Amino acid sequence: MSASHFHKQFKNTLGILPINYINSEKIKFSKKLIKSSQNLRMSEIAFQSGFNNTSYFNRQFKKMEMMTPQQFKASVNHQI
């Protein structure tokens, strides 16, 4: 199967592009890390979640969660 055919089939089946699916799974994992480990720096969370670039991580997080990772961390800390 060619890459373009795979992308087309993936989008037809799940309704999103493969990269968007992968990034959403990485963001889900990063949210778990933020909630469970208060002592990790955001760059460490980004790298452990599979992002090689913290700037890209921040943009993707904000795109999906409508807030920055730092804002999410602050909201989690307020709930405790």
N, C-alpha and C. Protein backbone atom coordinates (compact mmCIF):
# COMPACT_ATOMS: atom_id res chain seq x y z
N MET A 1 0.86 -1.17 0.00
CA MET A 1 0.00 0.00 0.00
C MET A 1 0.90 1.23 0.00
N SER A 2 0.61 2.16 -0.85
CA SER A 2 1.41 3.39 -0.89
C SER A 2 1.04 4.29 0.27
N ALA A 3 1.93 5.22 0.57
CA ALA A 3 1.68 6.15 1.68
C ALA A 3 0.44 6.99 1.42
N SER A 4 0.28 7.47 0.20
CA SER A 4 -0.88 8.32 -0.10
C SER A 4 -2.18 7.53 0.00
N HIS A 5 -2.16 6.27 -0.43
CA HIS A 5 -3.35 5.43 -0.31
C HIS A 5 -3.67 5.15 1.16
N PHE A 6 -2.65 4.89 1.95
CA PHE A 6 -2.85 4.68 3.39
C PHE A 6 -3.49 5.91 4.03
N HIS A 7 -2.95 7.10 3.72
CA HIS A 7 -3.50 8.33 4.30
C HIS A 7 -4.97 8.51 3.91
N LYS A 8 -5.28 8.23 2.66
CA LYS A 8 -6.65 8.37 2.19
C LYS A 8 -7.57 7.38 2.90
N GLN A 9 -7.16 6.12 3.01
CA GLN A 9 -7.95 5.10 3.69
C GLN A 9 -8.12 5.43 5.17
N PHE A 10 -7.05 5.87 5.80
CA PHE A 10 -7.09 6.22 7.22
C PHE A 10 -8.11 7.34 7.45
N LYS A 11 -8.03 8.39 6.63
CA LYS A 11 -8.94 9.52 6.78
C LYS A 11 -10.38 9.10 6.49
N ASN A 12 -10.59 8.26 5.48
CA ASN A 12 -11.94 7.79 5.18
C ASN A 12 -12.52 6.95 6.30
N THR A 13 -11.66 6.18 6.97
CA THR A 13 -12.12 5.29 8.04
C THR A 13 -12.34 6.04 9.35
N LEU A 14 -11.35 6.84 9.76
CA LEU A 14 -11.42 7.49 11.08
C LEU A 14 -11.82 8.97 11.03
N GLY A 15 -11.79 9.55 9.85
CA GLY A 15 -12.22 10.94 9.72
C GLY A 15 -11.15 11.97 10.02
N ILE A 16 -9.94 11.51 10.34
CA ILE A 16 -8.83 12.43 10.60
C ILE A 16 -7.57 11.89 9.94
N LEU A 17 -6.62 12.77 9.72
CA LEU A 17 -5.35 12.36 9.14
C LEU A 17 -4.53 11.58 10.17
N PRO A 18 -3.67 10.69 9.72
CA PRO A 18 -2.84 9.91 10.65
C PRO A 18 -2.03 10.79 11.60
N ILE A 19 -1.43 11.87 11.10
CA ILE A 19 -0.62 12.72 11.98
C ILE A 19 -1.47 13.36 13.07
N ASN A 20 -2.69 13.73 12.75
CA ASN A 20 -3.58 14.31 13.76
C ASN A 20 -3.96 13.28 14.82
N TYR A 21 -4.17 12.04 14.39
CA TYR A 21 -4.47 10.96 15.34
C TYR A 21 -3.27 10.72 16.26
N ILE A 22 -2.10 10.62 15.68
CA ILE A 22 -0.89 10.39 16.46
C ILE A 22 -0.68 11.52 17.46
N ASN A 23 -0.81 12.76 17.00
CA ASN A 23 -0.62 13.90 17.90
C ASN A 23 -1.67 13.92 19.01
N SER A 24 -2.90 13.53 18.71
CA SER A 24 -3.92 13.52 19.76
C SER A 24 -3.59 12.48 20.82
N GLU A 25 -3.05 11.34 20.41
CA GLU A 25 -2.63 10.32 21.38
C GLU A 25 -1.45 10.82 22.22
N LYS A 26 -0.52 11.53 21.60
CA LYS A 26 0.62 12.10 22.33
C LYS A 26 0.14 13.14 23.33
N ILE A 27 -0.83 13.95 22.94
CA ILE A 27 -1.37 14.98 23.85
C ILE A 27 -2.10 14.32 25.02
N LYS A 28 -2.86 13.27 24.76
CA LYS A 28 -3.51 12.53 25.85
C LYS A 28 -2.48 12.04 26.86
N PHE A 29 -1.39 11.48 26.35
CA PHE A 29 -0.33 10.99 27.23
C PHE A 29 0.31 12.13 28.00
N SER A 30 0.54 13.26 27.34
CA SER A 30 1.16 14.41 28.01
C SER A 30 0.26 14.92 29.13
N LYS A 31 -1.05 14.90 28.92
CA LYS A 31 -1.98 15.33 29.96
C LYS A 31 -1.88 14.42 31.19
N LYS A 32 -1.74 13.12 30.95
CA LYS A 32 -1.57 12.18 32.07
C LYS A 32 -0.28 12.48 32.82
N LEU A 33 0.79 12.78 32.08
CA LEU A 33 2.07 13.12 32.72
C LEU A 33 1.95 14.40 33.54
N ILE A 34 1.29 15.40 32.98
CA ILE A 34 1.13 16.68 33.69
C ILE A 34 0.35 16.45 34.99
N LYS A 35 -0.69 15.64 34.92
CA LYS A 35 -1.51 15.38 36.11
C LYS A 35 -0.76 14.58 37.17
N SER A 36 0.07 13.65 36.73
CA SER A 36 0.68 12.73 37.69
C SER A 36 2.04 13.15 38.20
N SER A 37 2.73 14.02 37.50
CA SER A 37 4.09 14.37 37.93
C SER A 37 4.25 15.89 37.98
N GLN A 38 4.20 16.40 39.16
CA GLN A 38 4.29 17.85 39.35
C GLN A 38 5.72 18.38 39.21
N ASN A 39 6.71 17.50 39.26
CA ASN A 39 8.10 17.96 39.27
C ASN A 39 8.77 17.93 37.90
N LEU A 40 8.09 17.45 36.85
CA LEU A 40 8.69 17.42 35.52
C LEU A 40 8.54 18.78 34.83
N ARG A 41 9.61 19.19 34.14
CA ARG A 41 9.52 20.41 33.34
C ARG A 41 8.68 20.11 32.11
N MET A 42 8.09 21.15 31.53
CA MET A 42 7.24 20.97 30.37
C MET A 42 8.02 20.41 29.18
N SER A 43 9.29 20.78 29.06
CA SER A 43 10.10 20.23 27.97
C SER A 43 10.30 18.72 28.15
N GLU A 44 10.45 18.27 29.38
CA GLU A 44 10.58 16.84 29.64
C GLU A 44 9.29 16.10 29.31
N ILE A 45 8.17 16.71 29.64
CA ILE A 45 6.87 16.12 29.32
C ILE A 45 6.70 16.02 27.81
N ALA A 46 7.09 17.07 27.09
CA ALA A 46 7.00 17.07 25.63
C ALA A 46 7.82 15.92 25.05
N PHE A 47 9.06 15.80 25.48
CA PHE A 47 9.93 14.75 24.95
C PHE A 47 9.44 13.35 25.33
N GLN A 48 8.99 13.18 26.55
CA GLN A 48 8.48 11.87 26.97
C GLN A 48 7.19 11.50 26.25
N SER A 49 6.47 12.51 25.76
CA SER A 49 5.23 12.28 25.02
C SER A 49 5.47 12.02 23.54
N GLY A 50 6.73 12.13 23.12
CA GLY A 50 7.05 11.82 21.74
C GLY A 50 7.26 13.01 20.84
N PHE A 51 7.26 14.22 21.40
CA PHE A 51 7.51 15.42 20.61
C PHE A 51 9.00 15.75 20.68
N ASN A 52 9.60 16.02 19.54
CA ASN A 52 11.02 16.37 19.49
C ASN A 52 11.25 17.87 19.63
N ASN A 53 10.18 18.63 19.60
CA ASN A 53 10.27 20.08 19.59
C ASN A 53 9.22 20.63 20.56
N THR A 54 9.66 21.36 21.58
CA THR A 54 8.71 21.87 22.58
C THR A 54 7.77 22.92 22.00
N SER A 55 8.24 23.68 21.03
CA SER A 55 7.40 24.69 20.40
C SER A 55 6.24 24.02 19.66
N TYR A 56 6.55 22.95 18.93
CA TYR A 56 5.51 22.20 18.22
C TYR A 56 4.56 21.56 19.21
N PHE A 57 5.08 21.02 20.30
CA PHE A 57 4.24 20.46 21.36
C PHE A 57 3.27 21.51 21.89
N ASN A 58 3.78 22.70 22.20
CA ASN A 58 2.92 23.76 22.71
C ASN A 58 1.82 24.13 21.72
N ARG A 59 2.18 24.24 20.44
CA ARG A 59 1.18 24.59 19.41
C ARG A 59 0.11 23.50 19.28
N GLN A 60 0.54 22.25 19.25
CA GLN A 60 -0.41 21.14 19.11
C GLN A 60 -1.30 21.02 20.34
N PHE A 61 -0.72 21.21 21.52
CA PHE A 61 -1.50 21.14 22.76
C PHE A 61 -2.57 22.21 22.75
N LYS A 62 -2.18 23.43 22.41
CA LYS A 62 -3.14 24.55 22.40
C LYS A 62 -4.21 24.34 21.33
N LYS A 63 -3.83 23.82 20.19
CA LYS A 63 -4.78 23.54 19.10
C LYS A 63 -5.83 22.53 19.55
N MET A 64 -5.42 21.51 20.30
CA MET A 64 -6.33 20.44 20.68
C MET A 64 -7.08 20.72 21.98
N GLU A 65 -6.44 21.40 22.91
CA GLU A 65 -7.03 21.59 24.24
C GLU A 65 -7.53 23.02 24.49
N MET A 66 -7.28 23.92 23.56
CA MET A 66 -7.70 25.32 23.66
C MET A 66 -7.06 26.05 24.84
N MET A 67 -5.93 25.52 25.28
CA MET A 67 -5.12 26.18 26.31
C MET A 67 -3.70 25.65 26.19
N THR A 68 -2.76 26.40 26.73
CA THR A 68 -1.36 25.96 26.68
C THR A 68 -1.13 24.86 27.71
N PRO A 69 -0.05 24.11 27.58
CA PRO A 69 0.26 23.11 28.60
C PRO A 69 0.41 23.72 29.99
N GLN A 70 0.99 24.91 30.07
CA GLN A 70 1.14 25.58 31.37
C GLN A 70 -0.22 25.94 31.96
N GLN A 71 -1.14 26.40 31.13
CA GLN A 71 -2.48 26.73 31.61
C GLN A 71 -3.19 25.47 32.09
N PHE A 72 -3.00 24.36 31.36
CA PHE A 72 -3.58 23.09 31.78
C PHE A 72 -3.02 22.66 33.12
N LYS A 73 -1.71 22.78 33.27
CA LYS A 73 -1.07 22.42 34.54
C LYS A 73 -1.62 23.27 35.68
N ALA A 74 -1.79 24.56 35.44
CA ALA A 74 -2.34 25.45 36.48
C ALA A 74 -3.77 25.06 36.83
N SER A 75 -4.56 24.67 35.84
CA SER A 75 -5.95 24.27 36.12
C SER A 75 -5.99 22.97 36.91
N VAL A 76 -5.06 22.06 36.63
CA VAL A 76 -4.99 20.81 37.39
C VAL A 76 -4.58 21.11 38.83
N ASN A 77 -3.63 22.02 39.02
CA ASN A 77 -3.18 22.37 40.37
C ASN A 77 -4.28 23.04 41.17
N HIS A 78 -5.18 23.79 40.51
CA HIS A 78 -6.29 24.43 41.22
C HIS A 78 -7.31 23.42 41.70
N GLN A 79 -7.43 22.31 40.98
CA GLN A 79 -8.41 21.29 41.34
C GLN A 79 -7.98 20.46 42.54
N ILE A 80 -6.68 20.47 42.83
CA ILE A 80 -6.16 19.65 43.93
C ILE A 80 -6.42 20.32 45.26
